[in-house]
Protein backbone atom coordinates (compact mmCIF):
# COMPACT_ATOMS: atom_id res chain seq x y z
CA MET A 1 -9.92 63.91 -129.99
CA ILE A 2 -7.56 65.81 -127.74
CA ALA A 3 -8.33 68.38 -125.02
CA VAL A 4 -6.36 71.60 -125.24
CA ALA A 5 -6.45 74.23 -122.50
CA GLY A 6 -8.70 77.14 -123.41
CA LEU A 7 -9.89 75.41 -126.60
CA GLY A 8 -11.75 72.47 -125.10
CA VAL A 9 -11.73 69.36 -127.25
CA VAL A 10 -10.10 69.85 -130.65
CA SER A 11 -10.31 67.44 -133.53
CA CYS A 12 -10.78 67.31 -137.28
CA GLN A 13 -14.51 67.82 -137.67
CA SER A 14 -16.11 66.65 -140.88
CA ASP A 15 -18.26 69.75 -141.21
CA PHE A 16 -15.26 72.06 -140.97
CA VAL A 17 -14.26 73.94 -144.10
CA PHE A 18 -10.63 72.84 -143.82
CA TYR A 19 -11.43 69.22 -142.90
CA ASP A 20 -9.33 67.69 -145.67
CA LEU A 21 -6.31 69.79 -144.78
CA CYS A 22 -6.77 68.92 -141.12
CA ARG A 23 -6.76 65.18 -141.93
CA VAL A 24 -3.64 65.49 -144.08
CA ILE A 25 -1.73 67.26 -141.32
CA SER A 26 -3.03 64.89 -138.61
CA ASP A 27 -1.91 61.86 -140.59
CA HIS A 28 1.69 63.09 -140.29
CA ASP A 29 1.39 64.27 -136.67
CA PRO A 30 1.47 61.53 -134.01
CA THR A 31 0.09 63.95 -131.37
CA GLY A 32 -2.96 64.80 -133.44
CA ILE A 33 -2.79 68.41 -132.36
CA ALA A 34 -1.11 70.10 -135.32
CA GLY A 35 -3.97 69.54 -137.74
CA PRO A 36 -6.85 71.01 -135.69
CA VAL A 37 -4.72 73.88 -134.34
CA THR A 38 -3.47 74.77 -137.84
CA VAL A 39 -6.88 74.81 -139.51
CA HIS A 40 -8.47 76.67 -136.58
CA GLY A 41 -5.68 79.21 -136.81
CA LEU A 42 -6.19 79.63 -140.56
CA ALA A 43 -9.92 79.95 -140.08
CA ALA A 44 -9.38 82.60 -137.39
CA ILE A 45 -7.01 84.58 -139.61
CA GLY A 46 -9.44 84.40 -142.54
CA THR A 47 -12.36 85.44 -140.37
CA PHE A 48 -10.39 88.38 -138.95
CA ALA A 49 -9.43 89.52 -142.43
CA LEU A 50 -12.99 89.19 -143.75
CA VAL A 51 -14.62 91.06 -140.83
CA TYR A 52 -11.89 93.74 -140.96
CA LEU A 53 -12.35 94.24 -144.72
CA VAL A 54 -16.15 94.49 -144.45
CA GLY A 55 -15.80 96.89 -141.51
CA ARG A 56 -13.41 99.15 -143.43
CA ILE A 57 -15.82 99.28 -146.36
CA LEU A 58 -18.66 100.28 -144.10
CA ARG A 59 -16.51 102.80 -142.28
CA ARG A 60 -15.46 104.40 -145.55
CA ALA A 61 -19.08 104.61 -146.64
CA VAL A 62 -20.01 106.36 -143.36
CA ASP A 63 -17.05 108.75 -143.71
CA THR A 64 -18.08 109.64 -147.24
CA ALA A 65 -21.70 110.20 -146.24
CA MET A 66 -20.71 112.48 -143.35
CA THR A 67 -18.33 114.44 -145.59
CA ARG A 68 -21.05 115.00 -148.17
CA ALA A 69 -23.41 116.07 -145.39
CA HIS A 70 -20.80 118.68 -144.32
CA ALA A 71 -20.70 117.25 -140.80
CA ASP A 72 -18.43 118.83 -138.21
CA VAL A 73 -14.78 117.80 -138.54
CA GLN A 74 -14.57 116.74 -134.91
CA VAL A 75 -17.70 114.62 -135.22
CA CYS A 76 -16.32 112.97 -138.35
CA THR A 77 -13.10 112.20 -136.48
CA LEU A 78 -15.08 110.77 -133.55
CA PHE A 79 -17.10 108.43 -135.75
CA HIS A 80 -13.99 107.40 -137.65
CA ASN A 81 -12.06 106.52 -134.48
CA VAL A 82 -15.01 104.76 -132.83
CA GLY A 83 -15.64 102.84 -136.04
CA THR A 84 -12.01 101.74 -136.19
CA ALA A 85 -12.19 100.47 -132.59
CA VAL A 86 -15.45 98.60 -133.26
CA ILE A 87 -13.96 96.98 -136.39
CA TYR A 88 -10.93 95.67 -134.49
CA ILE A 89 -13.00 94.45 -131.57
CA ALA A 90 -15.50 92.69 -133.83
CA ALA A 91 -12.77 91.13 -135.95
CA ILE A 92 -10.82 89.87 -132.92
CA LEU A 93 -13.91 88.43 -131.24
CA ALA A 94 -15.03 86.72 -134.46
CA ALA A 95 -11.57 85.25 -134.93
CA ILE A 96 -11.45 84.00 -131.35
CA VAL A 97 -14.87 82.32 -131.67
CA VAL A 98 -13.91 80.63 -134.95
CA ALA A 99 -10.63 79.51 -133.38
CA GLY A 100 -12.68 77.56 -130.85
CA VAL A 101 -11.74 79.48 -127.71
CA ASN A 102 -14.28 79.15 -124.89
CA ILE A 103 -16.18 82.41 -125.24
CA ALA A 104 -17.61 82.16 -121.72
CA VAL A 105 -14.12 82.21 -120.20
CA LEU A 106 -13.18 85.10 -122.44
CA LEU A 107 -16.26 87.16 -121.49
CA THR A 108 -15.68 86.49 -117.80
CA ALA A 109 -12.07 87.68 -118.03
CA ALA A 110 -13.11 90.73 -120.09
CA GLY A 111 -15.78 91.61 -117.51
CA VAL A 112 -13.33 91.48 -114.61
CA THR A 113 -10.77 93.49 -116.58
CA THR A 114 -13.38 96.10 -117.50
CA VAL A 115 -14.43 96.59 -113.90
CA ALA A 116 -10.83 96.95 -112.74
CA ILE A 117 -10.02 99.46 -115.49
CA GLY A 118 -13.20 101.38 -114.80
CA LEU A 119 -12.41 101.75 -111.13
CA ALA A 120 -8.79 102.72 -111.78
CA PHE A 121 -9.49 105.26 -114.53
CA GLN A 122 -13.01 106.45 -113.76
CA ASP A 123 -12.13 110.15 -114.01
CA ILE A 124 -10.56 109.62 -117.44
CA LEU A 125 -13.53 107.54 -118.60
CA ARG A 126 -15.99 110.18 -117.38
CA ASN A 127 -14.10 112.86 -119.34
CA ILE A 128 -14.12 110.64 -122.44
CA LEU A 129 -17.86 110.03 -122.20
CA ALA A 130 -18.39 113.74 -121.65
CA GLY A 131 -16.22 114.46 -124.72
CA ILE A 132 -18.27 112.08 -126.86
CA TRP A 133 -21.46 113.78 -125.75
CA LEU A 134 -20.03 117.27 -126.43
CA LEU A 135 -18.97 116.22 -129.92
CA LEU A 136 -22.46 114.89 -130.63
CA GLU A 137 -24.47 117.65 -128.98
CA ARG A 138 -22.10 120.41 -130.17
CA PRO A 139 -22.83 123.25 -127.73
CA PHE A 140 -19.74 124.84 -129.24
CA ARG A 141 -17.50 124.30 -132.25
CA LEU A 142 -13.94 124.97 -133.33
CA GLY A 143 -13.35 128.73 -133.49
CA ASP A 144 -16.19 129.63 -131.11
CA ASN A 145 -15.55 132.15 -128.35
CA ILE A 146 -16.74 130.46 -125.14
CA ALA A 147 -16.43 130.81 -121.38
CA VAL A 148 -16.51 127.94 -118.88
CA LEU A 149 -16.30 128.97 -115.23
CA ASP A 150 -13.28 131.30 -115.06
CA GLN A 151 -11.80 130.11 -118.39
CA ALA A 152 -12.58 131.95 -121.60
CA GLY A 153 -11.15 131.90 -125.10
CA ILE A 154 -11.37 130.63 -128.68
CA VAL A 155 -11.92 126.88 -129.02
CA GLN A 156 -8.86 125.30 -130.62
CA THR A 157 -9.50 121.55 -130.28
CA ILE A 158 -12.17 119.23 -128.90
CA THR A 159 -10.67 115.87 -128.10
CA LEU A 160 -12.20 112.93 -126.24
CA ARG A 161 -10.68 114.03 -122.91
CA THR A 162 -10.16 117.78 -123.06
CA THR A 163 -11.15 121.02 -124.80
CA THR A 164 -8.43 123.58 -125.43
CA LEU A 165 -8.97 127.32 -125.55
CA LYS A 166 -6.78 130.18 -126.70
CA THR A 167 -7.25 132.97 -124.19
CA ALA A 168 -7.39 136.68 -125.05
CA ASP A 169 -3.79 137.13 -123.87
CA GLY A 170 -2.48 134.30 -126.07
CA ARG A 171 -2.28 131.52 -123.52
CA LEU A 172 -3.54 127.93 -123.85
CA SER A 173 -6.24 126.80 -121.46
CA VAL A 174 -6.93 123.05 -121.22
CA VAL A 175 -10.43 122.38 -119.90
CA PRO A 176 -11.47 118.82 -118.94
CA ASN A 177 -14.54 117.83 -120.93
CA LEU A 178 -16.36 116.86 -117.76
CA THR A 179 -16.04 120.50 -116.59
CA ALA A 180 -17.58 121.79 -119.83
CA PHE A 181 -20.28 119.11 -119.64
CA THR A 182 -21.43 119.72 -116.07
CA ASN A 183 -21.09 123.53 -115.93
CA PRO A 184 -22.81 126.35 -117.83
CA VAL A 185 -21.05 127.26 -121.08
CA LEU A 186 -21.36 130.79 -122.40
CA ASN A 187 -20.96 130.79 -126.19
CA ALA A 188 -20.50 134.28 -127.67
CA SER A 189 -20.29 132.97 -131.27
CA THR A 190 -23.62 131.16 -131.62
CA PHE A 191 -25.52 134.11 -133.09
CA GLN A 192 -24.44 136.62 -135.72
CA LEU A 193 -25.89 139.60 -133.89
CA ARG A 194 -24.31 140.43 -130.53
CA ARG A 195 -24.78 143.30 -128.16
CA PHE A 196 -21.79 145.40 -127.12
CA THR A 197 -21.64 148.28 -124.61
CA VAL A 198 -19.18 151.14 -124.23
CA GLY A 199 -19.04 153.75 -121.53
CA ILE A 200 -18.06 157.43 -122.00
CA ARG A 201 -17.29 159.49 -118.92
CA LEU A 202 -19.12 162.82 -119.24
CA PRO A 203 -17.74 166.25 -118.27
CA ASP A 204 -19.18 167.64 -115.06
CA ASP A 205 -20.83 170.52 -116.93
CA ALA A 206 -22.37 168.43 -119.74
CA ASP A 207 -25.96 169.06 -120.71
CA LEU A 208 -27.33 165.54 -120.09
CA GLU A 209 -30.44 165.71 -122.29
CA THR A 210 -28.54 167.11 -125.23
CA VAL A 211 -25.71 164.64 -124.78
CA ILE A 212 -28.09 161.68 -124.80
CA ARG A 213 -29.79 162.99 -127.98
CA GLU A 214 -26.45 163.48 -129.71
CA ALA A 215 -25.22 160.01 -128.67
CA ARG A 216 -28.35 158.40 -130.06
CA ASP A 217 -27.85 160.27 -133.30
CA VAL A 218 -24.23 159.02 -133.51
CA LEU A 219 -25.32 155.42 -132.96
CA ASP A 220 -28.08 155.72 -135.57
CA LYS A 221 -25.61 157.05 -138.17
CA THR A 222 -22.92 154.42 -137.54
CA GLU A 223 -23.21 152.00 -140.49
CA ALA A 224 -21.81 149.02 -138.61
CA ILE A 225 -24.60 149.17 -136.01
CA VAL A 226 -27.88 147.47 -136.90
CA GLY A 227 -31.16 149.26 -136.42
CA ARG A 228 -32.99 146.33 -134.83
CA PRO A 229 -32.67 145.75 -131.95
CA ALA A 230 -32.39 149.50 -131.42
CA PRO A 231 -29.34 151.03 -129.69
CA LEU A 232 -29.72 151.98 -126.02
CA VAL A 233 -28.24 155.11 -124.40
CA GLU A 234 -28.47 155.52 -120.63
CA PRO A 235 -26.58 157.60 -118.05
CA VAL A 236 -25.24 155.84 -114.96
CA VAL A 237 -23.48 157.14 -111.87
CA ASP A 238 -19.95 155.81 -111.34
CA GLY A 239 -18.72 157.13 -108.01
CA ASP A 240 -18.93 160.91 -108.26
CA LYS A 241 -18.88 160.88 -112.05
CA LEU A 242 -21.56 160.48 -114.68
CA VAL A 243 -20.99 157.87 -117.38
CA LEU A 244 -22.95 157.58 -120.61
CA ARG A 245 -23.44 153.89 -121.36
CA CYS A 246 -24.11 153.13 -125.06
CA GLY A 247 -25.39 149.68 -125.98
CA TYR A 248 -25.65 148.59 -129.60
CA TRP A 249 -25.91 145.46 -131.74
CA ILE A 250 -23.56 144.50 -134.60
CA ASP A 251 -23.03 141.53 -136.90
CA GLN A 252 -19.92 140.12 -135.25
CA THR A 253 -19.18 137.89 -138.25
CA ALA A 254 -18.94 140.90 -140.60
CA GLN A 255 -17.64 143.64 -138.23
CA ASP A 256 -14.65 144.05 -135.94
CA PRO A 257 -16.15 144.66 -132.48
CA ASP A 258 -13.06 146.52 -131.25
CA ALA A 259 -12.97 148.81 -134.28
CA VAL A 260 -16.67 149.59 -133.96
CA ALA A 261 -16.27 150.29 -130.21
CA ALA A 262 -13.41 152.68 -130.89
CA ASP A 263 -15.40 154.48 -133.58
CA VAL A 264 -18.44 154.80 -131.31
CA VAL A 265 -16.42 156.18 -128.36
CA ARG A 266 -14.60 158.66 -130.60
CA SER A 267 -17.76 159.85 -132.34
CA VAL A 268 -19.79 160.20 -129.12
CA TRP A 269 -16.96 162.02 -127.37
CA GLU A 270 -16.60 164.49 -130.25
CA ALA A 271 -20.36 165.05 -130.19
CA VAL A 272 -20.38 165.56 -126.42
CA GLN A 273 -17.67 168.19 -126.30
CA PRO A 274 -19.70 171.07 -127.81
CA GLN A 275 -22.66 170.27 -125.53
CA ARG A 276 -21.29 171.65 -122.29
CA LYS A 277 -23.03 174.05 -119.95
CA SER A 278 -19.95 176.05 -119.35
CA THR A 279 -20.11 179.45 -120.90
CA GLY A 280 -16.44 179.18 -121.67
CA THR A 281 -17.13 176.66 -124.44
């Protein structure tokens, strides 16, 4: 038996699967090292291949199940990537153990390395953990219109570290996942029905009661506007002017909010014009 650094005492053990091969090699090696090292290496490679193969089969089964369940694409990607990492780690650890490496030394070194990496990259790790939680909890999805602090736009990607938004003016906003995790997120795409409000500045001589009645009639007759919740029409003072504020609900997945707003403003304004107190009209 010979002591090898990191492997302890290595020898051809009778209960080892490659014992006969080990003895054959050792008989032709005066140092007695080649046999045990060779068979331990072969065993490690075989173990790595076996664990990796089993892991890939399990990962493919999970991927197939999530696809059939119509799981979110980002969540599927997360599980696939995490599964790949787990497979490699498990295969490497299994191979190292079979190779005869002192696992206690390995775990001690891994612990020290983990602490050092954690301290050096704690902000990155916090963003990654926040990204994993966002992908699992799914407060928003790809294509949703969200606002986080002063950033707002359409969600383009959700990665482990950042979430990217396409703003209304066509720019790309990169939001750290920790920011989206620790701050309120306003998601305008969660529900089909959404309330919109437009304001129409009224002429100074407008008959307010008649104008409100006509505006309500316009909102009730607009096909894109749902009847429940009911539209709301209220006058508000803006400086020295009177503004008619019209609130209504539409199915934002089936209607274009901008087109509906333009139609409402145009129709209300046309209805308001004849209702003026001035005797000249």
